[in-house]
Amino acid sequence: MKRWFLCLFLCMITFMNTHKATTPTTELATFAGGCFWCMEPPFKELDGVLSIIPGYTGGITKNPTYEMVIKGKSGHLEAVQIAFNPNIVTYEELLSIYWQQIDPTDPDGQFADRGFQYITAIFYHSKKQQQTAQKSIQNLTEKKIFKKPIVTKLFPASEFYIAEEYHQEYYKKNPIHYNNYKRLSGREDFINTIWKNKK
């Protein structure tokens, strides 16, 4: 009897260990915020972020090039795709950083970069991400962070194409040009004006 009970107990423990709910250790977040050069650094050193890759998404052309995208010929947006550990950093935290890098009230591009390929958009990878993004927009609207309505679009995630190598970590490879671009494009001043004393 004792032996049978012990066997049953061990089987139950094994079943529980192999069927217990687990939290995935890697998720993806995909954000479009205008020029992807400026969207990479804010997330780069964040604990829990495993990688961040500039690229193109949302279009119809296979294997788009930078030249095709910036001319608006492929239908893609410049974006970054972030692999992160949700046990360390949450999707909500990533969204919070995202909003602090963009002007989500501009329907025609971002700062000096104009056209559909530079609009702001969140590409959600799950129903939960979609709901979290919608709630985040609602919270920002209620707090009246921005003077105009938020027009950032939400799309289901689609195929993501990695940008050319010279775009990866552009802020490190060309720091002078990057810093001048961020400042002269108007992005830096906008961020400082909106988020000063609000972070």
Protein backbone atom coordinates (compact mmCIF):
# COMPACT_ATOMS: atom_id res chain seq x y z
CA MET A 1 0.00 0.00 0.00
CA LYS A 2 2.77 2.43 0.93
CA ARG A 3 4.65 1.59 -2.26
CA TRP A 4 1.54 2.24 -4.38
CA PHE A 5 0.93 5.57 -2.64
CA LEU A 6 4.54 6.64 -3.16
CA CYS A 7 4.34 5.75 -6.85
CA LEU A 8 1.11 7.75 -7.24
CA PHE A 9 2.64 10.71 -5.43
CA LEU A 10 5.73 10.72 -7.65
CA CYS A 11 3.58 10.47 -10.78
CA MET A 12 1.52 13.47 -9.67
CA ILE A 13 4.65 15.55 -9.04
CA THR A 14 6.04 14.62 -12.45
CA PHE A 15 2.75 15.54 -14.15
CA MET A 16 2.59 18.90 -12.39
CA ASN A 17 6.18 19.75 -13.29
CA THR A 18 5.73 18.91 -16.96
CA HIS A 19 2.32 20.56 -17.38
CA LYS A 20 2.57 23.64 -15.20
CA ALA A 21 2.06 26.98 -16.92
CA THR A 22 5.31 28.66 -17.82
CA THR A 23 6.05 32.21 -18.87
CA PRO A 24 7.91 32.42 -22.18
CA THR A 25 11.43 33.75 -21.73
CA THR A 26 11.47 35.56 -25.09
CA GLU A 27 8.86 37.74 -26.77
CA LEU A 28 8.95 40.18 -29.65
CA ALA A 29 7.86 43.81 -29.80
CA THR A 30 7.80 45.72 -33.06
CA PHE A 31 7.58 49.52 -33.16
CA ALA A 32 7.65 52.02 -36.02
CA GLY A 33 8.63 55.53 -35.00
CA GLY A 34 10.02 57.27 -38.03
CA CYS A 35 13.74 56.93 -38.74
CA PHE A 36 14.87 53.67 -37.16
CA TRP A 37 18.27 55.13 -36.31
CA CYS A 38 16.61 57.02 -33.47
CA MET A 39 14.51 54.10 -32.29
CA GLU A 40 17.37 51.75 -31.47
CA PRO A 41 19.41 53.51 -28.71
CA PRO A 42 16.60 54.10 -26.17
CA PHE A 43 16.00 50.35 -25.78
CA LYS A 44 19.57 49.13 -26.22
CA GLU A 45 20.82 49.10 -22.63
CA LEU A 46 17.52 48.19 -20.99
CA ASP A 47 17.69 45.15 -18.72
CA GLY A 48 15.72 42.32 -20.27
CA VAL A 49 16.18 43.47 -23.87
CA LEU A 50 17.98 40.69 -25.70
CA SER A 51 18.31 42.34 -29.10
CA ILE A 52 16.98 45.24 -31.11
CA ILE A 53 17.07 45.20 -34.88
CA PRO A 54 16.22 47.99 -37.34
CA GLY A 55 14.28 46.83 -40.36
CA TYR A 56 11.21 47.08 -42.54
CA THR A 57 7.72 45.71 -42.00
CA GLY A 58 4.09 46.10 -42.99
CA GLY A 59 4.62 46.17 -46.75
CA ILE A 60 3.90 43.88 -49.66
CA THR A 61 7.24 43.72 -51.48
CA LYS A 62 9.52 40.80 -50.69
CA ASN A 63 13.04 41.63 -49.49
CA PRO A 64 12.75 45.42 -49.68
CA THR A 65 15.86 47.58 -49.78
CA TYR A 66 16.40 50.86 -47.98
CA GLU A 67 16.15 52.75 -51.25
CA MET A 68 12.78 51.15 -52.03
CA VAL A 69 11.39 51.87 -48.57
CA ILE A 70 12.42 55.54 -48.31
CA LYS A 71 10.91 56.22 -51.73
CA GLY A 72 7.64 54.67 -50.58
CA LYS A 73 7.70 51.99 -53.26
CA SER A 74 7.41 48.89 -51.06
CA GLY A 75 4.67 49.84 -48.62
CA HIS A 76 6.92 49.10 -45.64
CA LEU A 77 7.56 51.22 -42.57
CA GLU A 78 10.95 51.71 -40.99
CA ALA A 79 10.72 49.91 -37.65
CA VAL A 80 12.64 48.17 -34.92
CA GLN A 81 12.02 44.66 -33.66
CA ILE A 82 12.90 43.98 -30.04
CA ALA A 83 13.44 40.55 -28.51
CA PHE A 84 12.92 40.78 -24.77
CA ASN A 85 12.54 38.68 -21.65
CA PRO A 86 9.09 39.47 -20.19
CA ASN A 87 10.24 38.17 -16.81
CA ILE A 88 12.67 41.09 -16.62
CA VAL A 89 11.09 43.88 -18.65
CA THR A 90 7.39 44.12 -19.48
CA TYR A 91 5.70 45.06 -22.72
CA GLU A 92 4.15 47.99 -20.86
CA GLU A 93 7.63 49.28 -20.00
CA LEU A 94 8.71 49.01 -23.63
CA LEU A 95 5.61 50.94 -24.70
CA SER A 96 6.39 53.65 -22.17
CA ILE A 97 9.84 54.12 -23.69
CA TYR A 98 8.38 54.01 -27.21
CA TRP A 99 5.98 56.89 -26.57
CA GLN A 100 8.86 59.02 -25.28
CA GLN A 101 10.70 58.79 -28.63
CA ILE A 102 8.00 59.86 -31.07
CA ASP A 103 5.28 62.36 -31.96
CA PRO A 104 2.25 60.04 -32.06
CA THR A 105 -0.02 62.88 -33.20
CA ASP A 106 1.60 63.25 -36.64
CA PRO A 107 -0.28 61.25 -39.32
CA ASP A 108 2.14 62.04 -42.14
CA GLY A 109 5.57 61.01 -40.84
CA GLN A 110 7.99 61.93 -38.10
CA PHE A 111 9.76 65.26 -37.82
CA ALA A 112 11.97 65.84 -40.90
CA ASP A 113 10.96 62.52 -42.48
CA ARG A 114 7.67 62.62 -44.34
CA GLY A 115 5.60 59.88 -45.92
CA PHE A 116 3.78 56.70 -44.95
CA GLN A 117 7.09 54.84 -44.50
CA TYR A 118 7.83 57.09 -41.51
CA ILE A 119 4.52 57.06 -39.65
CA THR A 120 4.22 55.68 -36.12
CA ALA A 121 2.75 52.22 -35.68
CA ILE A 122 2.71 49.34 -33.22
CA PHE A 123 2.83 45.86 -34.72
CA TYR A 124 1.39 43.57 -32.07
CA HIS A 125 2.42 39.90 -31.80
CA SER A 126 -0.51 38.74 -29.69
CA LYS A 127 -4.00 39.71 -28.60
CA LYS A 128 -2.54 40.65 -25.23
CA GLN A 129 -0.06 43.06 -26.84
CA GLN A 130 -2.87 44.61 -28.87
CA GLN A 131 -4.98 45.16 -25.76
CA THR A 132 -2.00 46.52 -23.82
CA ALA A 133 -1.19 48.99 -26.62
CA GLN A 134 -4.82 50.14 -26.81
CA LYS A 135 -4.89 50.67 -23.05
CA SER A 136 -1.61 52.58 -23.23
CA ILE A 137 -3.06 54.95 -25.86
CA GLN A 138 -6.14 55.44 -23.71
CA ASN A 139 -4.01 56.29 -20.67
CA LEU A 140 -1.94 58.84 -22.59
CA THR A 141 -5.11 60.40 -23.97
CA GLU A 142 -6.69 60.69 -20.53
CA LYS A 143 -3.53 62.26 -19.10
CA LYS A 144 -3.45 64.74 -22.02
CA ILE A 145 0.28 64.23 -22.54
CA PHE A 146 -0.04 65.43 -26.14
CA LYS A 147 -1.99 68.45 -27.35
CA LYS A 148 -3.43 66.65 -30.38
CA PRO A 149 -5.12 63.23 -30.73
CA ILE A 150 -2.87 60.19 -30.94
CA VAL A 151 -2.95 58.71 -34.45
CA THR A 152 -0.41 55.90 -34.02
CA LYS A 153 -1.75 52.85 -35.85
CA LEU A 154 -1.99 49.30 -34.54
CA PHE A 155 -1.34 46.46 -36.98
CA PRO A 156 -0.93 42.71 -36.54
CA ALA A 157 2.75 41.80 -36.84
CA SER A 158 3.82 40.80 -40.33
CA GLU A 159 7.06 39.69 -41.91
CA PHE A 160 10.01 41.72 -40.70
CA TYR A 161 13.00 42.31 -42.96
CA ILE A 162 16.32 43.18 -41.33
CA ALA A 163 17.79 46.43 -42.65
CA GLU A 164 21.19 46.61 -44.29
CA GLU A 165 24.22 46.16 -42.05
CA TYR A 166 25.25 49.83 -42.13
CA HIS A 167 21.94 50.73 -40.46
CA GLN A 168 22.54 48.42 -37.51
CA GLU A 169 23.73 50.43 -34.47
CA TYR A 170 24.08 53.47 -36.70
CA TYR A 171 24.33 55.69 -33.63
CA LYS A 172 27.58 53.95 -32.71
CA LYS A 173 29.05 53.78 -36.20
CA ASN A 174 28.30 57.41 -37.07
CA PRO A 175 27.74 59.24 -33.76
CA ILE A 176 28.32 62.77 -35.08
CA HIS A 177 25.90 62.38 -37.98
CA TYR A 178 23.39 60.59 -35.77
CA ASN A 179 23.41 63.26 -33.07
CA ASN A 180 23.17 66.07 -35.62
CA TYR A 181 20.28 64.32 -37.36
CA LYS A 182 18.35 63.74 -34.13
CA ARG A 183 18.78 67.38 -33.13
CA LEU A 184 18.23 69.08 -36.50
CA SER A 185 15.26 66.87 -37.43
CA GLY A 186 13.35 68.32 -34.48
CA ARG A 187 12.97 65.03 -32.64
CA GLU A 188 15.25 65.90 -29.74
CA ASP A 189 13.55 69.24 -28.99
CA PHE A 190 10.09 67.69 -29.23
CA ILE A 191 10.98 64.91 -26.79
CA ASN A 192 12.52 67.36 -24.33
CA THR A 193 9.53 69.69 -24.52
CA ILE A 194 6.85 67.03 -24.07
CA TRP A 195 8.55 64.83 -21.48
CA LYS A 196 10.46 67.33 -19.37
CA ASN A 197 9.46 66.76 -15.73
CA LYS A 198 7.05 63.98 -16.76
CA LYS A 199 9.37 60.96 -16.70
